[in-house]
Amino acid sequence: MKRRFRKKLFATLIFSVIASAMMIVHGLFFDLDFSQIKRLSVEGFLFTFVFVFIGLIILERIFNIEEDAEIVGIKRKLRRIEKKR
């Protein structure tokens, strides 16, 4: 179980890095003039990365709530079946 969580966390981390870079490039091409490129910095990338990563973790938890509840119900039913044996 922990191994699957680590894989999901690593995949989310990689996606966050890529999404952060894409968000900055999107902002550069659609919102900024090329004369403002000097405003881009490593700090800006890290700031964007942190927000994207946290946002993805929150979204993952929101969409897994029903799945987690279903797994708990299945485990409960399995315990009852095993006790009857």
PDB file of N, CA and C in Angstrom:
ATOM      1  N   MET A   1       0.829  -1.197   0.000  1.00  0.00           N
ATOM      2  CA  MET A   1       0.000   0.000   0.000  1.00  0.00           C
ATOM      3  C   MET A   1       0.875   1.262   0.000  1.00  0.00           C
ATOM      4  N   LYS A   2       1.909   1.258   0.847  1.00  0.00           N
ATOM      5  CA  LYS A   2       2.788   2.420   0.913  1.00  0.00           C
ATOM      6  C   LYS A   2       3.564   2.596  -0.380  1.00  0.00           C
ATOM      7  N   ARG A   3       3.906   1.470  -1.011  1.00  0.00           N
ATOM      8  CA  ARG A   3       4.658   1.543  -2.262  1.00  0.00           C
ATOM      9  C   ARG A   3       3.822   2.228  -3.349  1.00  0.00           C
ATOM     10  N   ARG A   4       2.542   1.887  -3.405  1.00  0.00           N
ATOM     11  CA  ARG A   4       1.648   2.505  -4.384  1.00  0.00           C
ATOM     12  C   ARG A   4       1.497   4.001  -4.090  1.00  0.00           C
ATOM     13  N   PHE A   5       1.415   4.350  -2.805  1.00  0.00           N
ATOM     14  CA  PHE A   5       1.324   5.764  -2.424  1.00  0.00           C
ATOM     15  C   PHE A   5       2.575   6.519  -2.846  1.00  0.00           C
ATOM     16  N   ARG A   6       3.736   5.911  -2.649  1.00  0.00           N
ATOM     17  CA  ARG A   6       4.990   6.562  -3.042  1.00  0.00           C
ATOM     18  C   ARG A   6       5.058   6.759  -4.556  1.00  0.00           C
ATOM     19  N   LYS A   7       4.592   5.767  -5.308  1.00  0.00           N
ATOM     20  CA  LYS A   7       4.578   5.904  -6.763  1.00  0.00           C
ATOM     21  C   LYS A   7       3.646   7.035  -7.191  1.00  0.00           C
ATOM     22  N   LYS A   8       2.476   7.099  -6.563  1.00  0.00           N
ATOM     23  CA  LYS A   8       1.527   8.163  -6.881  1.00  0.00           C
ATOM     24  C   LYS A   8       2.099   9.522  -6.507  1.00  0.00           C
ATOM     25  N   LEU A   9       2.746   9.600  -5.363  1.00  0.00           N
ATOM     26  CA  LEU A   9       3.344  10.853  -4.919  1.00  0.00           C
ATOM     27  C   LEU A   9       4.468  11.281  -5.866  1.00  0.00           C
ATOM     28  N   PHE A  10       5.291  10.334  -6.293  1.00  0.00           N
ATOM     29  CA  PHE A  10       6.376  10.644  -7.225  1.00  0.00           C
ATOM     30  C   PHE A  10       5.814  11.103  -8.571  1.00  0.00           C
ATOM     31  N   ALA A  11       4.777  10.424  -9.069  1.00  0.00           N
ATOM     32  CA  ALA A  11       4.159  10.821 -10.330  1.00  0.00           C
ATOM     33  C   ALA A  11       3.555  12.218 -10.220  1.00  0.00           C
ATOM     34  N   THR A  12       2.936  12.509  -9.096  1.00  0.00           N
ATOM     35  CA  THR A  12       2.368  13.840  -8.866  1.00  0.00           C
ATOM     36  C   THR A  12       3.475  14.888  -8.816  1.00  0.00           C
ATOM     37  N   LEU A  13       4.583  14.547  -8.205  1.00  0.00           N
ATOM     38  CA  LEU A  13       5.724  15.461  -8.133  1.00  0.00           C
ATOM     39  C   LEU A  13       6.259  15.778  -9.536  1.00  0.00           C
ATOM     40  N   ILE A  14       6.439  14.750 -10.341  1.00  0.00           N
ATOM     41  CA  ILE A  14       6.933  14.952 -11.712  1.00  0.00           C
ATOM     42  C   ILE A  14       5.934  15.778 -12.520  1.00  0.00           C
ATOM     43  N   PHE A  15       4.654  15.456 -12.397  1.00  0.00           N
ATOM     44  CA  PHE A  15       3.638  16.215 -13.121  1.00  0.00           C
ATOM     45  C   PHE A  15       3.624  17.670 -12.676  1.00  0.00           C
ATOM     46  N   SER A  16       3.829  17.919 -11.393  1.00  0.00           N
ATOM     47  CA  SER A  16       3.847  19.283 -10.876  1.00  0.00           C
ATOM     48  C   SER A  16       4.991  20.090 -11.465  1.00  0.00           C
ATOM     49  N   VAL A  17       6.154  19.464 -11.592  1.00  0.00           N
ATOM     50  CA  VAL A  17       7.301  20.159 -12.182  1.00  0.00           C
ATOM     51  C   VAL A  17       6.989  20.542 -13.627  1.00  0.00           C
ATOM     52  N   ILE A  18       6.458  19.588 -14.390  1.00  0.00           N
ATOM     53  CA  ILE A  18       6.134  19.847 -15.801  1.00  0.00           C
ATOM     54  C   ILE A  18       5.023  20.887 -15.911  1.00  0.00           C
ATOM     55  N   ALA A  19       3.981  20.748 -15.091  1.00  0.00           N
ATOM     56  CA  ALA A  19       2.866  21.697 -15.145  1.00  0.00           C
ATOM     57  C   ALA A  19       3.314  23.101 -14.753  1.00  0.00           C
ATOM     58  N   SER A  20       4.203  23.208 -13.787  1.00  0.00           N
ATOM     59  CA  SER A  20       4.703  24.527 -13.373  1.00  0.00           C
ATOM     60  C   SER A  20       5.446  25.203 -14.513  1.00  0.00           C
ATOM     61  N   ALA A  21       6.308  24.444 -15.157  1.00  0.00           N
ATOM     62  CA  ALA A  21       7.044  25.005 -16.294  1.00  0.00           C
ATOM     63  C   ALA A  21       6.081  25.424 -17.402  1.00  0.00           C
ATOM     64  N   MET A  22       5.084  24.599 -17.667  1.00  0.00           N
ATOM     65  CA  MET A  22       4.113  24.933 -18.716  1.00  0.00           C
ATOM     66  C   MET A  22       3.289  26.165 -18.349  1.00  0.00           C
ATOM     67  N   MET A  23       2.948  26.313 -17.075  1.00  0.00           N
ATOM     68  CA  MET A  23       2.182  27.485 -16.651  1.00  0.00           C
ATOM     69  C   MET A  23       3.001  28.758 -16.820  1.00  0.00           C
ATOM     70  N   ILE A  24       4.288  28.680 -16.510  1.00  0.00           N
ATOM     71  CA  ILE A  24       5.151  29.847 -16.663  1.00  0.00           C
ATOM     72  C   ILE A  24       5.313  30.192 -18.137  1.00  0.00           C
ATOM     73  N   VAL A  25       5.521  29.184 -18.976  1.00  0.00           N
ATOM     74  CA  VAL A  25       5.657  29.427 -20.415  1.00  0.00           C
ATOM     75  C   VAL A  25       4.356  29.998 -20.973  1.00  0.00           C
ATOM     76  N   HIS A  26       3.238  29.466 -20.520  1.00  0.00           N
ATOM     77  CA  HIS A  26       1.939  29.987 -20.962  1.00  0.00           C
ATOM     78  C   HIS A  26       1.798  31.456 -20.585  1.00  0.00           C
ATOM     79  N   GLY A  27       2.167  31.794 -19.375  1.00  0.00           N
ATOM     80  CA  GLY A  27       2.107  33.185 -18.938  1.00  0.00           C
ATOM     81  C   GLY A  27       3.048  34.061 -19.732  1.00  0.00           C
ATOM     82  N   LEU A  28       4.191  33.515 -20.067  1.00  0.00           N
ATOM     83  CA  LEU A  28       5.172  34.272 -20.840  1.00  0.00           C
ATOM     84  C   LEU A  28       4.640  34.603 -22.232  1.00  0.00           C
ATOM     85  N   PHE A  29       4.097  33.623 -22.906  1.00  0.00           N
ATOM     86  CA  PHE A  29       3.681  33.832 -24.289  1.00  0.00           C
ATOM     87  C   PHE A  29       2.347  34.568 -24.417  1.00  0.00           C
ATOM     88  N   PHE A  30       1.458  34.398 -23.454  1.00  0.00           N
ATOM     89  CA  PHE A  30       0.134  34.983 -23.611  1.00  0.00           C
ATOM     90  C   PHE A  30      -0.110  36.231 -22.778  1.00  0.00           C
ATOM     91  N   ASP A  31       0.675  36.427 -21.729  1.00  0.00           N
ATOM     92  CA  ASP A  31       0.407  37.554 -20.841  1.00  0.00           C
ATOM     93  C   ASP A  31       1.535  38.583 -20.779  1.00  0.00           C
ATOM     94  N   LEU A  32       2.753  38.177 -21.054  1.00  0.00           N
ATOM     95  CA  LEU A  32       3.900  39.071 -20.889  1.00  0.00           C
ATOM     96  C   LEU A  32       4.474  39.493 -22.235  1.00  0.00           C
ATOM     97  N   ASP A  33       5.136  40.608 -22.223  1.00  0.00           N
ATOM     98  CA  ASP A  33       5.928  41.013 -23.375  1.00  0.00           C
ATOM     99  C   ASP A  33       7.289  40.331 -23.269  1.00  0.00           C
ATOM    100  N   PHE A  34       7.949  40.142 -24.391  1.00  0.00           N
ATOM    101  CA  PHE A  34       9.258  39.502 -24.351  1.00  0.00           C
ATOM    102  C   PHE A  34      10.276  40.358 -23.609  1.00  0.00           C
ATOM    103  N   SER A  35      10.002  41.644 -23.462  1.00  0.00           N
ATOM    104  CA  SER A  35      10.924  42.494 -22.711  1.00  0.00           C
ATOM    105  C   SER A  35      10.866  42.207 -21.211  1.00  0.00           C
ATOM    106  N   GLN A  36       9.826  41.477 -20.781  1.00  0.00           N
ATOM    107  CA  GLN A  36       9.663  41.172 -19.357  1.00  0.00           C
ATOM    108  C   GLN A  36      10.209  39.801 -18.974  1.00  0.00           C
ATOM    109  N   ILE A  37      10.933  39.161 -19.880  1.00  0.00           N
ATOM    110  CA  ILE A  37      11.489  37.842 -19.592  1.00  0.00           C
ATOM    111  C   ILE A  37      12.422  37.895 -18.382  1.00  0.00           C
ATOM    112  N   LYS A  38      13.100  38.991 -18.195  1.00  0.00           N
ATOM    113  CA  LYS A  38      14.045  39.085 -17.077  1.00  0.00           C
ATOM    114  C   LYS A  38      13.356  38.970 -15.719  1.00  0.00           C
ATOM    115  N   ARG A  39      12.034  39.107 -15.672  1.00  0.00           N
ATOM    116  CA  ARG A  39      11.301  38.967 -14.415  1.00  0.00           C
ATOM    117  C   ARG A  39      11.167  37.518 -13.978  1.00  0.00           C
ATOM    118  N   LEU A  40      11.316  36.582 -14.922  1.00  0.00           N
ATOM    119  CA  LEU A  40      11.205  35.167 -14.578  1.00  0.00           C
ATOM    120  C   LEU A  40      12.412  34.751 -13.746  1.00  0.00           C
ATOM    121  N   SER A  41      12.174  33.943 -12.746  1.00  0.00           N
ATOM    122  CA  SER A  41      13.271  33.558 -11.862  1.00  0.00           C
ATOM    123  C   SER A  41      13.048  32.156 -11.319  1.00  0.00           C
ATOM    124  N   VAL A  42      14.074  31.608 -10.683  1.00  0.00           N
ATOM    125  CA  VAL A  42      13.976  30.300 -10.050  1.00  0.00           C
ATOM    126  C   VAL A  42      12.969  30.358  -8.902  1.00  0.00           C
ATOM    127  N   GLU A  43      12.953  31.468  -8.179  1.00  0.00           N
ATOM    128  CA  GLU A  43      12.002  31.607  -7.076  1.00  0.00           C
ATOM    129  C   GLU A  43      10.568  31.557  -7.582  1.00  0.00           C
ATOM    130  N   GLY A  44      10.333  32.211  -8.711  1.00  0.00           N
ATOM    131  CA  GLY A  44       8.992  32.168  -9.303  1.00  0.00           C
ATOM    132  C   GLY A  44       8.600  30.768  -9.704  1.00  0.00           C
ATOM    133  N   PHE A  45       9.557  30.015 -10.272  1.00  0.00           N
ATOM    134  CA  PHE A  45       9.280  28.623 -10.632  1.00  0.00           C
ATOM    135  C   PHE A  45       8.967  27.800  -9.391  1.00  0.00           C
ATOM    136  N   LEU A  46       9.770  27.925  -8.345  1.00  0.00           N
ATOM    137  CA  LEU A  46       9.543  27.158  -7.115  1.00  0.00           C
ATOM    138  C   LEU A  46       8.214  27.516  -6.469  1.00  0.00           C
ATOM    139  N   PHE A  47       7.865  28.790  -6.469  1.00  0.00           N
ATOM    140  CA  PHE A  47       6.593  29.241  -5.919  1.00  0.00           C
ATOM    141  C   PHE A  47       5.431  28.608  -6.692  1.00  0.00           C
ATOM    142  N   THR A  48       5.515  28.635  -8.015  1.00  0.00           N
ATOM    143  CA  THR A  48       4.480  28.023  -8.853  1.00  0.00           C
ATOM    144  C   THR A  48       4.421  26.527  -8.623  1.00  0.00           C
ATOM    145  N   PHE A  49       5.590  25.886  -8.530  1.00  0.00           N
ATOM    146  CA  PHE A  49       5.651  24.448  -8.308  1.00  0.00           C
ATOM    147  C   PHE A  49       4.958  24.056  -7.004  1.00  0.00           C
ATOM    148  N   VAL A  50       5.234  24.777  -5.938  1.00  0.00           N
ATOM    149  CA  VAL A  50       4.630  24.452  -4.635  1.00  0.00           C
ATOM    150  C   VAL A  50       3.110  24.538  -4.714  1.00  0.00           C
ATOM    151  N   PHE A  51       2.588  25.576  -5.331  1.00  0.00           N
ATOM    152  CA  PHE A  51       1.134  25.709  -5.431  1.00  0.00           C
ATOM    153  C   PHE A  51       0.517  24.642  -6.319  1.00  0.00           C
ATOM    154  N   VAL A  52       1.165  24.309  -7.410  1.00  0.00           N
ATOM    155  CA  VAL A  52       0.641  23.251  -8.282  1.00  0.00           C
ATOM    156  C   VAL A  52       0.661  21.917  -7.546  1.00  0.00           C
ATOM    157  N   PHE A  53       1.742  21.609  -6.852  1.00  0.00           N
ATOM    158  CA  PHE A  53       1.865  20.343  -6.137  1.00  0.00           C
ATOM    159  C   PHE A  53       0.799  20.222  -5.045  1.00  0.00           C
ATOM    160  N   ILE A  54       0.647  21.261  -4.247  1.00  0.00           N
ATOM    161  CA  ILE A  54      -0.368  21.237  -3.191  1.00  0.00           C
ATOM    162  C   ILE A  54      -1.770  21.111  -3.787  1.00  0.00           C
ATOM    163  N   GLY A  55      -2.016  21.832  -4.869  1.00  0.00           N
ATOM    164  CA  GLY A  55      -3.320  21.746  -5.529  1.00  0.00           C
ATOM    165  C   GLY A  55      -3.617  20.350  -6.037  1.00  0.00           C
ATOM    166  N   LEU A  56      -2.625  19.690  -6.606  1.00  0.00           N
ATOM    167  CA  LEU A  56      -2.832  18.327  -7.101  1.00  0.00           C
ATOM    168  C   LEU A  56      -3.066  17.342  -5.964  1.00  0.00           C
ATOM    169  N   ILE A  57      -2.358  17.502  -4.866  1.00  0.00           N
ATOM    170  CA  ILE A  57      -2.571  16.622  -3.707  1.00  0.00           C
ATOM    171  C   ILE A  57      -3.993  16.795  -3.187  1.00  0.00           C
ATOM    172  N   ILE A  58      -4.461  18.024  -3.092  1.00  0.00           N
ATOM    173  CA  ILE A  58      -5.826  18.275  -2.618  1.00  0.00           C
ATOM    174  C   ILE A  58      -6.843  17.672  -3.578  1.00  0.00           C
ATOM    175  N   LEU A  59      -6.640  17.852  -4.878  1.00  0.00           N
ATOM    176  CA  LEU A  59      -7.562  17.271  -5.857  1.00  0.00           C
ATOM    177  C   LEU A  59      -7.576  15.753  -5.783  1.00  0.00           C
ATOM    178  N   GLU A  60      -6.420  15.154  -5.597  1.00  0.00           N
ATOM    179  CA  GLU A  60      -6.364  13.696  -5.489  1.00  0.00           C
ATOM    180  C   GLU A  60      -7.158  13.206  -4.279  1.00  0.00           C
ATOM    181  N   ARG A  61      -7.011  13.887  -3.160  1.00  0.00           N
ATOM    182  CA  ARG A  61      -7.757  13.498  -1.958  1.00  0.00           C
ATOM    183  C   ARG A  61      -9.259  13.668  -2.160  1.00  0.00           C
ATOM    184  N   ILE A  62      -9.658  14.738  -2.830  1.00  0.00           N
ATOM    185  CA  ILE A  62     -11.082  14.975  -3.071  1.00  0.00           C
ATOM    186  C   ILE A  62     -11.672  13.865  -3.937  1.00  0.00           C
ATOM    187  N   PHE A  63     -10.967  13.495  -5.000  1.00  0.00           N
ATOM    188  CA  PHE A  63     -11.511  12.489  -5.905  1.00  0.00           C
ATOM    189  C   PHE A  63     -11.370  11.069  -5.379  1.00  0.00           C
ATOM    190  N   ASN A  64     -10.582  10.838  -4.344  1.00  0.00           N
ATOM    191  CA  ASN A  64     -10.431   9.507  -3.766  1.00  0.00           C
ATOM    192  C   ASN A  64     -11.327   9.281  -2.555  1.00  0.00           C
ATOM    193  N   ILE A  65     -12.079  10.278  -2.142  1.00  0.00           N
ATOM    194  CA  ILE A  65     -12.928  10.133  -0.946  1.00  0.00           C
ATOM    195  C   ILE A  65     -13.922   9.000  -1.131  1.00  0.00           C
ATOM    196  N   GLU A  66     -14.629   8.964  -2.268  1.00  0.00           N
ATOM    197  CA  GLU A  66     -15.619   7.915  -2.504  1.00  0.00           C
ATOM    198  C   GLU A  66     -14.948   6.554  -2.601  1.00  0.00           C
ATOM    199  N   GLU A  67     -13.802   6.500  -3.271  1.00  0.00           N
ATOM    200  CA  GLU A  67     -13.080   5.245  -3.414  1.00  0.00           C
ATOM    201  C   GLU A  67     -12.654   4.715  -2.056  1.00  0.00           C
ATOM    202  N   ASP A  68     -12.154   5.581  -1.192  1.00  0.00           N
ATOM    203  CA  ASP A  68     -11.732   5.161   0.144  1.00  0.00           C
ATOM    204  C   ASP A  68     -12.912   4.625   0.946  1.00  0.00           C
ATOM    205  N   ALA A  69     -14.045   5.284   0.858  1.00  0.00           N
ATOM    206  CA  ALA A  69     -15.234   4.826   1.574  1.00  0.00           C
ATOM    207  C   ALA A  69     -15.685   3.468   1.045  1.00  0.00           C
ATOM    208  N   GLU A  70     -15.586   3.273  -0.257  1.00  0.00           N
ATOM    209  CA  GLU A  70     -15.981   1.997  -0.851  1.00  0.00           C
ATOM    210  C   GLU A  70     -15.048   0.876  -0.394  1.00  0.00           C
ATOM    211  N   ILE A  71     -13.768   1.151  -0.325  1.00  0.00           N
ATOM    212  CA  ILE A  71     -12.796   0.145   0.126  1.00  0.00           C
ATOM    213  C   ILE A  71     -13.062  -0.238   1.579  1.00  0.00           C
ATOM    214  N   VAL A  72     -13.388   0.726   2.412  1.00  0.00           N
ATOM    215  CA  VAL A  72     -13.714   0.431   3.814  1.00  0.00           C
ATOM    216  C   VAL A  72     -14.931  -0.487   3.892  1.00  0.00           C
ATOM    217  N   GLY A  73     -15.950  -0.206   3.075  1.00  0.00           N
ATOM    218  CA  GLY A  73     -17.139  -1.065   3.052  1.00  0.00           C
ATOM    219  C   GLY A  73     -16.823  -2.472   2.588  1.00  0.00           C
ATOM    220  N   ILE A  74     -15.983  -2.612   1.585  1.00  0.00           N
ATOM    221  CA  ILE A  74     -15.606  -3.939   1.084  1.00  0.00           C
ATOM    222  C   ILE A  74     -14.814  -4.701   2.145  1.00  0.00           C
ATOM    223  N   LYS A  75     -13.920  -4.033   2.847  1.00  0.00           N
ATOM    224  CA  LYS A  75     -13.156  -4.691   3.911  1.00  0.00           C
ATOM    225  C   LYS A  75     -14.076  -5.168   5.028  1.00  0.00           C
ATOM    226  N   ARG A  76     -15.081  -4.358   5.363  1.00  0.00           N
ATOM    227  CA  ARG A  76     -16.033  -4.733   6.400  1.00  0.00           C
ATOM    228  C   ARG A  76     -16.794  -6.005   5.995  1.00  0.00           C
ATOM    229  N   LYS A  77     -17.254  -6.044   4.749  1.00  0.00           N
ATOM    230  CA  LYS A  77     -17.976  -7.220   4.250  1.00  0.00           C
ATOM    231  C   LYS A  77     -17.073  -8.440   4.222  1.00  0.00           C
ATOM    232  N   LEU A  78     -15.813  -8.270   3.851  1.00  0.00           N
ATOM    233  CA  LEU A  78     -14.876  -9.377   3.806  1.00  0.00           C
ATOM    234  C   LEU A  78     -14.627  -9.937   5.204  1.00  0.00           C
ATOM    235  N   ARG A  79     -14.517  -9.061   6.192  1.00  0.00           N
ATOM    236  CA  ARG A  79     -14.338  -9.531   7.579  1.00  0.00           C
ATOM    237  C   ARG A  79     -15.524 -10.370   8.039  1.00  0.00           C
ATOM    238  N   ARG A  80     -16.740  -9.897   7.702  1.00  0.00           N
ATOM    239  CA  ARG A  80     -17.943 -10.657   8.080  1.00  0.00           C
ATOM    240  C   ARG A  80     -17.946 -12.035   7.427  1.00  0.00           C
ATOM    241  N   ILE A  81     -17.564 -12.105   6.168  1.00  0.00           N
ATOM    242  CA  ILE A  81     -17.532 -13.384   5.464  1.00  0.00           C
ATOM    243  C   ILE A  81     -16.493 -14.308   6.073  1.00  0.00           C
ATOM    244  N   GLU A  82     -15.325 -13.753   6.414  1.00  0.00           N
ATOM    245  CA  GLU A  82     -14.272 -14.579   7.022  1.00  0.00           C
ATOM    246  C   GLU A  82     -14.673 -15.076   8.399  1.00  0.00           C
ATOM    247  N   LYS A  83     -15.432 -14.290   9.162  1.00  0.00           N
ATOM    248  CA  LYS A  83     -15.880 -14.733  10.494  1.00  0.00           C
ATOM    249  C   LYS A  83     -16.890 -15.866  10.371  1.00  0.00           C
ATOM    250  N   LYS A  84     -17.705 -15.861   9.339  1.00  0.00           N
ATOM    251  CA  LYS A  84     -18.704 -16.911   9.152  1.00  0.00           C
ATOM    252  C   LYS A  84     -18.055 -18.249   8.797  1.00  0.00           C
ATOM    253  N   ARG A  85     -16.887 -18.220   8.212  1.00  0.00           N
ATOM    254  CA  ARG A  85     -16.198 -19.467   7.851  1.00  0.00           C
ATOM    255  C   ARG A  85     -15.741 -20.104   9.099  1.00  0.00           C
TER     256      ARG A  85
END
